[in-house]
Amino acid sequence: MKTVKKLITLEQSLANDLELVAKSLNKTQREVIELALDFYFDYTDGIIADKITDDIKKGTMKVYSSKEVYKKLGIDFEG
């Protein structure tokens, strides 16, 4: 997977915690940040899914059938 360099600034206490956790787990700080972000993104995926479900139930978001989508896009599909 391609890597991208990012420059970030952290509060001192958070930077200290990051260093301590990385040393304790015998991982690099980069690895700890990547793991933390993966966990956070998985967590927020659930929150977003719940919001979409609520919006559908409230009627503020409409769900279209595949037939409706294909028709709107002008795709002839029998399935």
N, C-alpha and C. Protein backbone atom coordinates (compact mmCIF):
# COMPACT_ATOMS: atom_id res chain seq x y z
N MET A 1 0.84 -1.18 0.00
CA MET A 1 0.00 0.00 0.00
C MET A 1 0.89 1.24 0.00
N LYS A 2 0.51 2.23 -0.78
CA LYS A 2 1.27 3.47 -0.87
C LYS A 2 1.20 4.23 0.46
N THR A 3 2.30 4.81 0.86
CA THR A 3 2.31 5.62 2.07
C THR A 3 2.40 7.09 1.69
N VAL A 4 1.86 7.93 2.56
CA VAL A 4 1.85 9.37 2.37
C VAL A 4 2.40 10.01 3.62
N LYS A 5 3.27 10.95 3.46
CA LYS A 5 3.86 11.64 4.60
C LYS A 5 2.91 12.75 5.05
N LYS A 6 2.63 12.81 6.36
CA LYS A 6 1.79 13.84 6.97
C LYS A 6 2.55 14.46 8.13
N LEU A 7 2.44 15.74 8.25
CA LEU A 7 3.05 16.45 9.37
C LEU A 7 1.92 16.86 10.31
N ILE A 8 1.98 16.41 11.56
CA ILE A 8 0.92 16.74 12.51
C ILE A 8 1.54 17.39 13.75
N THR A 9 0.72 18.15 14.44
CA THR A 9 1.12 18.77 15.69
C THR A 9 0.21 18.24 16.79
N LEU A 10 0.80 17.82 17.90
CA LEU A 10 0.04 17.25 19.02
C LEU A 10 0.28 18.07 20.27
N GLU A 11 -0.70 18.06 21.16
CA GLU A 11 -0.49 18.64 22.49
C GLU A 11 0.60 17.82 23.18
N GLN A 12 1.38 18.46 24.02
CA GLN A 12 2.51 17.80 24.67
C GLN A 12 2.08 16.54 25.43
N SER A 13 0.99 16.62 26.16
CA SER A 13 0.56 15.45 26.95
C SER A 13 0.19 14.28 26.04
N LEU A 14 -0.43 14.58 24.91
CA LEU A 14 -0.79 13.52 23.96
C LEU A 14 0.46 12.93 23.32
N ALA A 15 1.41 13.77 23.00
CA ALA A 15 2.68 13.29 22.44
C ALA A 15 3.41 12.40 23.43
N ASN A 16 3.38 12.78 24.70
CA ASN A 16 4.01 11.96 25.75
C ASN A 16 3.31 10.61 25.86
N ASP A 17 1.97 10.62 25.84
CA ASP A 17 1.21 9.37 25.90
C ASP A 17 1.53 8.48 24.71
N LEU A 18 1.61 9.07 23.53
CA LEU A 18 1.93 8.32 22.32
C LEU A 18 3.28 7.64 22.45
N GLU A 19 4.26 8.38 22.92
CA GLU A 19 5.60 7.82 23.10
C GLU A 19 5.60 6.68 24.11
N LEU A 20 4.90 6.87 25.22
CA LEU A 20 4.83 5.85 26.26
C LEU A 20 4.14 4.58 25.75
N VAL A 21 3.02 4.74 25.07
CA VAL A 21 2.28 3.58 24.54
C VAL A 21 3.12 2.84 23.51
N ALA A 22 3.76 3.58 22.62
CA ALA A 22 4.59 2.96 21.59
C ALA A 22 5.71 2.13 22.23
N LYS A 23 6.38 2.70 23.21
CA LYS A 23 7.45 1.96 23.90
C LYS A 23 6.90 0.74 24.61
N SER A 24 5.76 0.90 25.28
CA SER A 24 5.17 -0.21 26.03
C SER A 24 4.76 -1.37 25.12
N LEU A 25 4.29 -1.04 23.92
CA LEU A 25 3.84 -2.08 22.98
C LEU A 25 4.96 -2.53 22.03
N ASN A 26 6.15 -1.92 22.19
CA ASN A 26 7.27 -2.22 21.30
C ASN A 26 6.89 -1.99 19.84
N LYS A 27 6.22 -0.87 19.61
CA LYS A 27 5.81 -0.46 18.26
C LYS A 27 6.32 0.94 18.01
N THR A 28 6.34 1.31 16.75
CA THR A 28 6.71 2.69 16.43
C THR A 28 5.50 3.59 16.70
N GLN A 29 5.78 4.87 16.87
CA GLN A 29 4.68 5.81 17.07
C GLN A 29 3.76 5.82 15.85
N ARG A 30 4.33 5.68 14.68
CA ARG A 30 3.52 5.61 13.46
C ARG A 30 2.56 4.42 13.51
N GLU A 31 3.05 3.27 13.96
CA GLU A 31 2.20 2.08 14.05
C GLU A 31 1.05 2.30 15.04
N VAL A 32 1.34 2.94 16.16
CA VAL A 32 0.31 3.21 17.16
C VAL A 32 -0.75 4.15 16.59
N ILE A 33 -0.30 5.19 15.90
CA ILE A 33 -1.25 6.15 15.29
C ILE A 33 -2.10 5.46 14.25
N GLU A 34 -1.49 4.61 13.40
CA GLU A 34 -2.25 3.90 12.38
C GLU A 34 -3.29 2.98 13.01
N LEU A 35 -2.89 2.24 14.05
CA LEU A 35 -3.84 1.36 14.74
C LEU A 35 -4.98 2.15 15.37
N ALA A 36 -4.64 3.28 15.97
CA ALA A 36 -5.65 4.12 16.62
C ALA A 36 -6.64 4.67 15.59
N LEU A 37 -6.12 5.12 14.47
CA LEU A 37 -7.00 5.65 13.42
C LEU A 37 -7.87 4.56 12.81
N ASP A 38 -7.30 3.37 12.59
CA ASP A 38 -8.11 2.25 12.08
C ASP A 38 -9.26 1.94 13.04
N PHE A 39 -8.95 1.89 14.34
CA PHE A 39 -9.98 1.62 15.34
C PHE A 39 -11.03 2.72 15.33
N TYR A 40 -10.60 3.97 15.28
CA TYR A 40 -11.52 5.10 15.30
C TYR A 40 -12.41 5.10 14.07
N PHE A 41 -11.84 4.84 12.90
CA PHE A 41 -12.64 4.82 11.67
C PHE A 41 -13.64 3.68 11.68
N ASP A 42 -13.26 2.52 12.22
CA ASP A 42 -14.22 1.41 12.36
C ASP A 42 -15.37 1.83 13.28
N TYR A 43 -15.03 2.50 14.37
CA TYR A 43 -16.04 2.97 15.33
C TYR A 43 -16.98 3.98 14.68
N THR A 44 -16.42 4.95 13.95
CA THR A 44 -17.27 5.97 13.34
C THR A 44 -18.10 5.40 12.19
N ASP A 45 -17.63 4.33 11.53
CA ASP A 45 -18.45 3.66 10.51
C ASP A 45 -19.78 3.22 11.11
N GLY A 46 -19.72 2.68 12.33
CA GLY A 46 -20.95 2.25 13.01
C GLY A 46 -21.86 3.41 13.33
N ILE A 47 -21.28 4.52 13.76
CA ILE A 47 -22.07 5.71 14.07
C ILE A 47 -22.75 6.24 12.80
N ILE A 48 -22.00 6.28 11.71
CA ILE A 48 -22.56 6.76 10.44
C ILE A 48 -23.67 5.83 9.96
N ALA A 49 -23.46 4.52 10.07
CA ALA A 49 -24.48 3.56 9.66
C ALA A 49 -25.75 3.74 10.48
N ASP A 50 -25.61 3.97 11.79
CA ASP A 50 -26.78 4.20 12.64
C ASP A 50 -27.51 5.48 12.23
N LYS A 51 -26.77 6.53 11.90
CA LYS A 51 -27.39 7.79 11.48
C LYS A 51 -28.15 7.59 10.16
N ILE A 52 -27.56 6.88 9.22
CA ILE A 52 -28.24 6.62 7.95
C ILE A 52 -29.52 5.82 8.19
N THR A 53 -29.44 4.81 9.04
CA THR A 53 -30.62 4.01 9.37
C THR A 53 -31.71 4.88 9.98
N ASP A 54 -31.34 5.75 10.91
CA ASP A 54 -32.31 6.66 11.53
C ASP A 54 -32.93 7.61 10.49
N ASP A 55 -32.09 8.13 9.59
CA ASP A 55 -32.59 9.04 8.55
C ASP A 55 -33.57 8.33 7.62
N ILE A 56 -33.30 7.09 7.31
CA ILE A 56 -34.21 6.32 6.45
C ILE A 56 -35.53 6.11 7.18
N LYS A 57 -35.46 5.74 8.45
CA LYS A 57 -36.68 5.51 9.25
C LYS A 57 -37.50 6.79 9.39
N LYS A 58 -36.83 7.94 9.54
CA LYS A 58 -37.53 9.23 9.67
C LYS A 58 -38.04 9.76 8.34
N GLY A 59 -37.56 9.16 7.26
CA GLY A 59 -37.99 9.60 5.94
C GLY A 59 -37.18 10.78 5.40
N THR A 60 -36.09 11.13 6.07
CA THR A 60 -35.27 12.23 5.58
C THR A 60 -34.24 11.76 4.55
N MET A 61 -34.14 10.44 4.37
CA MET A 61 -33.28 9.87 3.34
C MET A 61 -34.08 8.79 2.63
N LYS A 62 -34.04 8.79 1.31
CA LYS A 62 -34.79 7.82 0.54
C LYS A 62 -33.86 6.74 0.01
N VAL A 63 -34.35 5.52 0.03
CA VAL A 63 -33.62 4.39 -0.53
C VAL A 63 -34.29 4.03 -1.84
N TYR A 64 -33.48 3.88 -2.88
CA TYR A 64 -33.99 3.54 -4.20
C TYR A 64 -33.66 2.09 -4.52
N SER A 65 -34.58 1.43 -5.22
CA SER A 65 -34.31 0.07 -5.66
C SER A 65 -33.32 0.11 -6.81
N SER A 66 -32.67 -1.01 -7.07
CA SER A 66 -31.72 -1.05 -8.18
C SER A 66 -32.43 -0.76 -9.50
N LYS A 67 -33.66 -1.22 -9.65
CA LYS A 67 -34.41 -0.95 -10.89
C LYS A 67 -34.61 0.55 -11.09
N GLU A 68 -34.93 1.27 -10.00
CA GLU A 68 -35.10 2.72 -10.09
C GLU A 68 -33.80 3.41 -10.50
N VAL A 69 -32.70 2.96 -9.94
CA VAL A 69 -31.40 3.56 -10.24
C VAL A 69 -31.02 3.30 -11.69
N TYR A 70 -31.16 2.03 -12.12
CA TYR A 70 -30.81 1.69 -13.51
C TYR A 70 -31.66 2.49 -14.49
N LYS A 71 -32.95 2.62 -14.18
CA LYS A 71 -33.85 3.35 -15.07
C LYS A 71 -33.43 4.82 -15.15
N LYS A 72 -33.15 5.42 -13.99
CA LYS A 72 -32.74 6.82 -13.95
C LYS A 72 -31.45 7.06 -14.73
N LEU A 73 -30.54 6.07 -14.69
CA LEU A 73 -29.27 6.19 -15.38
C LEU A 73 -29.35 5.75 -16.85
N GLY A 74 -30.51 5.25 -17.24
CA GLY A 74 -30.68 4.83 -18.61
C GLY A 74 -29.99 3.52 -18.92
N ILE A 75 -29.85 2.68 -17.91
CA ILE A 75 -29.21 1.38 -18.09
C ILE A 75 -30.29 0.32 -18.24
N ASP A 76 -30.21 -0.40 -19.35
CA ASP A 76 -31.17 -1.48 -19.59
C ASP A 76 -30.64 -2.75 -18.93
N PHE A 77 -31.31 -3.17 -17.87
CA PHE A 77 -30.83 -4.33 -17.12
C PHE A 77 -32.01 -5.21 -16.75
N GLU A 78 -31.92 -6.46 -17.08
CA GLU A 78 -32.92 -7.45 -16.67
C GLU A 78 -32.28 -8.35 -15.65
N GLY A 79 -32.82 -8.38 -14.47
CA GLY A 79 -32.17 -9.22 -13.47
C GLY A 79 -33.03 -9.61 -12.35
